Amino acid sequence: MQATQTIEKPLTQVKSQKDLHKELGALGAWSVAEVEALFALPLSDLMFRAQETHRANFPDGDVELATLLSIKTGGCPEDCGYCPQAARYDTDVKANKLMDLDEVLEAAKAAKAAGSNRFCMGAAWREPKDRDIEKVAAMIKGVKALGLETCATLGMLEASQAQALQEAGLDFYNHNLDTSEDFYRSVISTRGYQDRLDTISNVRAVGMSVCCGGIVGMGESREQRAAFLARLANLSPYPESVPINHLVPVAGTPLADQKPLDPLEFVRTIAVARITMPRARVRLSAGRQELGRAVQAMCFQAGANSIFYGEQLLTTGNPEAEQDRELLAELGLKTKQSSKTEVLV
């Protein structure tokens, strides 16, 4: 097997929010109609435009490898229709308490040894308590000491909690919009759309980078997918990381019998995300296993340049690391090993 290449780049510093806007290419609002027009392009034209955008903004063509660990699984009081961690649904997921620090650090060491450069920690909370933040802060410091970028997804955050995570050294906070605002209530009723926007605002206010995306294939229309991407692209600035998940239907959840999204529509979604958020890391997240190698290759061609890497996501399977290395090598794609862009507000 041909080995994937790794490239190293120095840390870049952005010294103000104004500079950050410029760095992320915040060039003005995207209307839903404009995003729909992108979706409607002939696939070859859309792919060509996405590839042009990708090459202009990521000339190295590298792929970021991120590992996601569920540090607290199940027992969530929310009713997200896609999520097997919701306590109200009868799934195979068993609720577990917050992992010990040593367990998390061992997992982070293994992720680094396997080639990951970002370590993401997810906890099934609606919103963490301050005592939870203290424990996660210790994890963040430990993972940072290993030389990895850190990301966390813990639910809704108050401003003071965002500040505490920033002071612990957290690089990215993940809080997905999930879908368009008008489709949101079809999937979730226990948390409002504005709640999600407020958490993103709290994260931005303390200078942390944002990881924010969503899930496609939950029964939304193309117009609603366009509205979802337009909302992401019009955040000021748009997220540095944009995870795009393909719904994995799980028995026991309300979306268990949802018909799969057409694979080419998923490829179009990746391409539109690349065009509308040119400097973001667009990440192939949940559902890669179901897409298969050929569709994943098309997604990379459409501008995806980040993957969740390893055998397991929060509660669903993921292509094993060796399979990922083989695919990247066959496609001639390099892997990224560099620090994130620092935001000094």
Protein backbone atom coordinates (compact mmCIF):
# COMPACT_ATOMS: atom_id res chain seq x y z
CA MET A 1 0.00 0.00 0.00
CA GLN A 2 1.25 3.44 -0.88
CA ALA A 3 1.68 5.60 2.22
CA THR A 4 -0.26 8.81 2.54
CA GLN A 5 1.83 11.95 2.68
CA THR A 6 1.83 14.31 5.62
CA ILE A 7 2.57 17.99 5.28
CA GLU A 8 3.44 20.39 8.06
CA LYS A 9 2.55 24.06 8.13
CA PRO A 10 3.31 26.73 10.71
CA LEU A 11 0.77 28.25 13.06
CA THR A 12 -1.02 31.25 11.59
CA GLN A 13 -2.23 34.07 13.81
CA VAL A 14 -5.21 36.30 13.14
CA LYS A 15 -5.01 39.30 15.42
CA SER A 16 -8.51 40.70 15.26
CA GLN A 17 -12.09 39.75 14.49
CA LYS A 18 -11.91 42.00 11.42
CA ASP A 19 -8.92 40.07 10.11
CA LEU A 20 -10.70 36.82 10.87
CA HIS A 21 -13.61 37.85 8.67
CA LYS A 22 -11.16 38.51 5.85
CA GLU A 23 -9.35 35.22 6.45
CA LEU A 24 -12.59 33.28 6.20
CA GLY A 25 -13.63 35.08 3.03
CA ALA A 26 -16.72 36.77 4.43
CA LEU A 27 -17.76 38.44 1.17
CA GLY A 28 -21.44 39.04 1.81
CA ALA A 29 -24.71 37.23 2.28
CA TRP A 30 -25.87 34.21 0.32
CA SER A 31 -29.59 34.14 -0.39
CA VAL A 32 -31.42 30.83 -0.28
CA ALA A 33 -32.27 31.31 -3.96
CA GLU A 34 -28.59 31.69 -4.84
CA VAL A 35 -27.71 28.53 -2.95
CA GLU A 36 -30.58 26.68 -4.61
CA ALA A 37 -29.21 27.80 -7.98
CA LEU A 38 -25.90 26.16 -7.11
CA PHE A 39 -27.68 22.89 -6.27
CA ALA A 40 -29.48 23.07 -9.62
CA LEU A 41 -26.32 23.31 -11.72
CA PRO A 42 -25.39 20.35 -13.92
CA LEU A 43 -23.30 18.10 -11.70
CA SER A 44 -20.16 18.50 -13.82
CA ASP A 45 -20.45 22.31 -13.66
CA LEU A 46 -21.05 22.26 -9.91
CA MET A 47 -18.08 19.95 -9.33
CA PHE A 48 -15.84 22.10 -11.53
CA ARG A 49 -16.77 25.25 -9.65
CA ALA A 50 -16.30 23.54 -6.27
CA GLN A 51 -12.90 22.19 -7.33
CA GLU A 52 -11.80 25.64 -8.52
CA THR A 53 -12.82 27.10 -5.16
CA HIS A 54 -11.10 24.32 -3.28
CA ARG A 55 -7.81 24.63 -5.16
CA ALA A 56 -7.78 28.41 -4.76
CA ASN A 57 -8.20 28.21 -0.99
CA PHE A 58 -6.42 24.94 -0.18
CA PRO A 59 -3.60 24.68 -2.73
CA ASP A 60 -1.93 21.90 -0.74
CA GLY A 61 -5.01 19.74 -1.14
CA ASP A 62 -4.52 18.15 2.28
CA VAL A 63 -7.11 16.26 4.31
CA GLU A 64 -7.49 16.85 8.04
CA LEU A 65 -7.87 13.76 10.24
CA ALA A 66 -9.98 14.20 13.37
CA THR A 67 -10.88 11.60 15.98
CA LEU A 68 -14.11 11.81 17.96
CA LEU A 69 -14.50 10.25 21.41
CA SER A 70 -17.76 10.01 23.35
CA ILE A 71 -16.63 11.02 26.83
CA LYS A 72 -20.17 10.78 28.26
CA THR A 73 -22.63 8.56 26.42
CA GLY A 74 -26.43 8.33 26.51
CA GLY A 75 -29.04 9.51 28.97
CA CYS A 76 -29.66 12.81 27.17
CA PRO A 77 -33.00 14.51 27.98
CA GLU A 78 -33.35 16.00 24.48
CA ASP A 79 -35.65 14.53 21.80
CA CYS A 80 -33.47 14.91 18.66
CA GLY A 81 -35.16 12.52 16.25
CA TYR A 82 -31.91 11.17 14.81
CA CYS A 83 -30.09 10.51 18.09
CA PRO A 84 -29.86 7.13 19.82
CA GLN A 85 -28.44 8.83 22.92
CA ALA A 86 -31.82 10.36 23.82
CA ALA A 87 -33.03 8.72 27.03
CA ARG A 88 -36.62 8.61 25.78
CA TYR A 89 -35.82 6.29 22.86
CA ASP A 90 -35.38 2.53 23.17
CA THR A 91 -32.03 1.93 21.46
CA ASP A 92 -28.98 -0.20 22.11
CA VAL A 93 -27.09 2.75 23.58
CA LYS A 94 -26.45 2.41 27.29
CA ALA A 95 -25.96 5.49 29.42
CA ASN A 96 -22.49 5.88 30.89
CA LYS A 97 -21.03 8.46 33.23
CA LEU A 98 -18.29 10.90 32.25
CA MET A 99 -15.05 9.09 31.48
CA ASP A 100 -12.06 9.42 33.75
CA LEU A 101 -9.24 11.72 32.71
CA ASP A 102 -6.74 8.89 32.28
CA GLU A 103 -9.09 7.01 29.93
CA VAL A 104 -9.53 10.09 27.75
CA LEU A 105 -5.79 10.73 27.57
CA GLU A 106 -5.10 7.12 26.57
CA ALA A 107 -7.63 7.47 23.75
CA ALA A 108 -6.02 10.75 22.68
CA LYS A 109 -2.57 9.14 22.61
CA ALA A 110 -3.92 6.33 20.43
CA ALA A 111 -5.56 8.85 18.09
CA LYS A 112 -2.31 10.77 17.71
CA ALA A 113 -0.38 7.56 17.05
CA ALA A 114 -2.89 6.68 14.31
CA GLY A 115 -2.27 10.03 12.60
CA SER A 116 -5.03 12.31 13.88
CA ASN A 117 -4.18 15.92 14.59
CA ARG A 118 -7.51 16.99 16.14
CA PHE A 119 -9.13 15.24 19.08
CA CYS A 120 -12.82 15.89 19.60
CA MET A 121 -14.67 15.10 22.85
CA GLY A 122 -18.44 14.71 22.86
CA ALA A 123 -20.78 14.49 25.84
CA ALA A 124 -24.50 13.73 25.72
CA TRP A 125 -25.69 16.69 27.76
CA ARG A 126 -28.41 19.21 27.00
CA GLU A 127 -26.15 21.68 28.77
CA PRO A 128 -23.19 20.98 31.07
CA LYS A 129 -23.07 21.99 34.71
CA ASP A 130 -20.17 24.09 35.94
CA ARG A 131 -18.68 21.06 37.71
CA ASP A 132 -18.75 19.23 34.36
CA ILE A 133 -16.89 22.10 32.73
CA GLU A 134 -14.14 21.80 35.36
CA LYS A 135 -13.64 18.11 34.54
CA VAL A 136 -13.68 18.68 30.78
CA ALA A 137 -11.21 21.56 31.20
CA ALA A 138 -8.74 19.11 32.74
CA MET A 139 -9.20 16.82 29.73
CA ILE A 140 -8.61 19.70 27.35
CA LYS A 141 -5.36 20.64 29.09
CA GLY A 142 -4.18 17.03 29.02
CA VAL A 143 -4.95 16.53 25.34
CA LYS A 144 -3.33 19.86 24.44
CA ALA A 145 -0.18 18.74 26.26
CA LEU A 146 0.03 15.83 23.83
CA GLY A 147 0.30 18.28 20.92
CA LEU A 148 -3.20 17.75 19.53
CA GLU A 149 -5.80 20.32 18.57
CA THR A 150 -8.86 20.08 20.79
CA CYS A 151 -12.58 20.25 20.07
CA ALA A 152 -15.54 19.65 22.35
CA THR A 153 -19.28 19.28 21.91
CA LEU A 154 -21.11 19.43 25.23
CA GLY A 155 -24.48 20.98 24.41
CA MET A 156 -25.57 24.55 25.06
CA LEU A 157 -23.04 26.85 26.75
CA GLU A 158 -23.43 29.91 28.91
CA ALA A 159 -20.97 32.74 28.26
CA SER A 160 -19.03 31.97 31.46
CA GLN A 161 -18.70 28.31 30.49
CA ALA A 162 -17.39 29.22 27.05
CA GLN A 163 -14.83 31.46 28.75
CA ALA A 164 -13.72 28.62 31.06
CA LEU A 165 -13.22 26.27 28.10
CA GLN A 166 -11.27 28.92 26.22
CA GLU A 167 -9.02 29.48 29.23
CA ALA A 168 -8.38 25.73 29.38
CA GLY A 169 -7.07 25.94 25.82
CA LEU A 170 -9.99 24.58 23.80
CA ASP A 171 -9.42 25.30 20.12
CA PHE A 172 -12.82 24.51 18.60
CA TYR A 173 -16.33 24.17 19.96
CA ASN A 174 -18.81 22.10 17.98
CA HIS A 175 -22.47 23.04 18.05
CA ASN A 176 -24.40 22.08 14.95
CA LEU A 177 -27.41 23.90 13.52
CA ASP A 178 -28.51 20.45 12.27
CA THR A 179 -30.83 21.67 9.50
CA SER A 180 -32.79 24.69 8.26
CA GLU A 181 -34.80 26.73 10.73
CA ASP A 182 -38.16 25.84 9.16
CA PHE A 183 -37.44 22.08 9.21
CA TYR A 184 -35.86 22.11 12.66
CA ARG A 185 -39.10 21.59 14.60
CA SER A 186 -39.79 18.45 12.55
CA VAL A 187 -36.76 16.88 14.22
CA ILE A 188 -36.27 18.57 17.62
CA SER A 189 -38.67 20.22 20.10
CA THR A 190 -36.62 20.38 23.32
CA ARG A 191 -34.19 23.04 22.12
CA GLY A 192 -34.87 26.03 19.87
CA TYR A 193 -32.92 27.18 16.84
CA GLN A 194 -32.04 30.43 18.59
CA ASP A 195 -30.56 28.42 21.47
CA ARG A 196 -28.05 27.00 19.03
CA LEU A 197 -27.23 30.39 17.59
CA ASP A 198 -26.77 31.80 21.10
CA THR A 199 -24.22 29.12 21.97
CA ILE A 200 -22.30 29.82 18.77
CA SER A 201 -22.33 33.52 19.66
CA ASN A 202 -20.99 32.76 23.16
CA VAL A 203 -18.17 30.70 21.66
CA ARG A 204 -17.23 33.41 19.18
CA ALA A 205 -17.29 36.09 21.87
CA VAL A 206 -14.41 34.46 23.76
CA GLY A 207 -12.29 33.96 20.64
CA MET A 208 -12.72 30.23 20.10
CA SER A 209 -13.13 28.76 16.64
CA VAL A 210 -16.47 27.27 15.64
CA CYS A 211 -17.22 23.82 14.29
CA CYS A 212 -20.79 23.88 13.02
CA GLY A 213 -22.68 21.86 10.45
CA GLY A 214 -25.59 19.48 10.40
CA ILE A 215 -27.26 16.35 9.11
CA VAL A 216 -28.77 15.80 5.67
CA GLY A 217 -31.18 13.07 4.65
CA MET A 218 -33.65 13.56 7.52
CA GLY A 219 -36.55 14.14 5.13
CA GLU A 220 -35.82 17.78 4.34
CA SER A 221 -36.32 19.21 0.85
CA ARG A 222 -33.53 20.53 -1.34
CA GLU A 223 -34.76 24.05 -0.60
CA GLN A 224 -34.39 23.34 3.11
CA ARG A 225 -30.86 21.99 2.55
CA ALA A 226 -30.10 25.20 0.67
CA ALA A 227 -31.53 27.28 3.53
CA PHE A 228 -29.40 25.33 6.03
CA LEU A 229 -26.18 25.98 4.08
CA ALA A 230 -27.12 29.63 3.51
CA ARG A 231 -27.55 30.12 7.27
CA LEU A 232 -24.13 28.58 7.92
CA ALA A 233 -22.47 30.63 5.19
CA ASN A 234 -24.04 33.84 6.51
CA LEU A 235 -22.76 33.42 10.06
CA SER A 236 -20.28 36.22 10.66
CA PRO A 237 -17.79 34.76 10.16
CA TYR A 238 -18.81 31.36 8.86
CA PRO A 239 -17.49 28.32 10.76
CA GLU A 240 -13.87 27.24 10.42
CA SER A 241 -15.05 23.61 10.40
CA VAL A 242 -18.27 22.42 8.75
CA PRO A 243 -19.17 18.78 9.47
CA ILE A 244 -21.73 17.38 7.05
CA ASN A 245 -23.38 14.22 8.35
CA HIS A 246 -25.35 11.75 6.26
CA LEU A 247 -28.19 10.45 8.44
CA VAL A 248 -27.53 7.02 9.91
CA PRO A 249 -31.02 5.69 10.78
CA VAL A 250 -30.94 3.94 14.17
CA ALA A 251 -33.59 1.49 15.33
CA GLY A 252 -35.70 2.96 18.10
CA THR A 253 -35.38 6.59 16.98
CA PRO A 254 -38.14 8.48 15.12
CA LEU A 255 -36.00 8.56 11.96
CA ALA A 256 -35.28 4.82 11.98
CA ASP A 257 -37.22 4.23 8.75
CA GLN A 258 -36.16 7.38 6.89
CA LYS A 259 -35.41 6.71 3.22
CA PRO A 260 -31.72 7.34 2.41
CA LEU A 261 -30.76 10.52 0.60
CA ASP A 262 -29.61 10.02 -2.97
CA PRO A 263 -25.77 9.77 -2.87
CA LEU A 264 -25.35 12.33 -5.65
CA GLU A 265 -27.47 14.79 -3.69
CA PHE A 266 -25.05 14.34 -0.79
CA VAL A 267 -22.14 15.05 -3.16
CA ARG A 268 -23.94 18.20 -4.32
CA THR A 269 -24.33 19.27 -0.70
CA ILE A 270 -20.58 18.95 -0.13
CA ALA A 271 -19.85 20.94 -3.29
CA VAL A 272 -22.26 23.73 -2.33
CA ALA A 273 -20.76 23.89 1.17
CA ARG A 274 -17.31 24.30 -0.38
CA ILE A 275 -18.42 27.10 -2.70
CA THR A 276 -20.35 29.06 -0.07
CA MET A 277 -17.72 28.62 2.68
CA PRO A 278 -14.49 28.56 0.66
CA ARG A 279 -11.97 28.59 3.51
CA ALA A 280 -13.76 26.21 5.88
CA ARG A 281 -12.68 22.65 6.51
CA VAL A 282 -15.65 20.71 5.12
CA ARG A 283 -15.76 17.43 6.99
CA LEU A 284 -17.25 14.10 5.95
CA SER A 285 -18.74 12.95 9.23
CA ALA A 286 -21.35 10.34 10.17
CA GLY A 287 -22.64 8.11 7.40
CA ARG A 288 -19.39 7.71 5.47
CA GLN A 289 -19.52 3.95 5.91
CA GLU A 290 -22.86 3.79 4.14
CA LEU A 291 -21.72 6.03 1.28
CA GLY A 292 -18.95 3.72 0.09
CA ARG A 293 -15.57 4.44 -1.46
CA ALA A 294 -16.70 5.85 -4.80
CA VAL A 295 -19.06 8.42 -3.30
CA GLN A 296 -16.46 9.43 -0.73
CA ALA A 297 -13.97 9.96 -3.57
CA MET A 298 -16.50 12.23 -5.30
CA CYS A 299 -16.93 14.17 -2.06
CA PHE A 300 -13.19 14.80 -1.86
CA GLN A 301 -13.33 15.96 -5.48
CA ALA A 302 -16.20 18.29 -4.49
CA GLY A 303 -14.09 19.94 -1.82
CA ALA A 304 -14.34 17.87 1.36
CA ASN A 305 -11.00 18.11 3.15
CA SER A 306 -11.59 16.70 6.61
CA ILE A 307 -12.84 13.37 7.95
CA PHE A 308 -13.64 11.79 11.25
CA TYR A 309 -11.03 9.09 11.42
CA GLY A 310 -11.18 5.84 13.36
CA GLU A 311 -13.52 2.97 14.08
CA GLN A 312 -16.24 4.76 16.05
CA LEU A 313 -18.05 8.08 16.14
CA LEU A 314 -20.25 8.92 19.11
CA THR A 315 -22.49 5.86 18.83
CA THR A 316 -22.28 4.77 15.18
CA GLY A 317 -19.64 2.95 13.19
CA ASN A 318 -17.03 4.63 11.01
CA PRO A 319 -14.65 3.26 8.35
CA GLU A 320 -11.63 1.79 10.08
CA ALA A 321 -8.41 3.77 10.04
CA GLU A 322 -6.62 1.34 7.75
CA GLN A 323 -9.39 1.57 5.15
CA ASP A 324 -9.23 5.36 5.32
CA ARG A 325 -5.46 5.35 4.81
CA GLU A 326 -5.83 3.04 1.83
CA LEU A 327 -8.48 5.24 0.21
CA LEU A 328 -6.52 8.45 0.76
CA ALA A 329 -3.40 6.82 -0.65
CA GLU A 330 -5.22 5.53 -3.73
CA LEU A 331 -6.62 9.01 -4.34
CA GLY A 332 -3.17 10.57 -3.88
CA LEU A 333 -4.39 12.79 -1.04
CA LYS A 334 -2.04 14.15 1.60
CA THR A 335 -2.95 14.44 5.27
CA LYS A 336 -2.69 17.61 7.29
CA GLN A 337 -0.61 18.05 10.40
CA SER A 338 -0.68 21.64 11.56
CA SER A 339 -2.08 23.88 14.24
CA LYS A 340 -5.35 25.71 13.85
CA THR A 341 -5.64 29.36 13.03
CA GLU A 342 -5.43 31.25 16.33
CA VAL A 343 -8.06 33.92 16.95
CA LEU A 344 -6.83 36.73 19.16
CA VAL A 345 -9.73 39.13 19.68
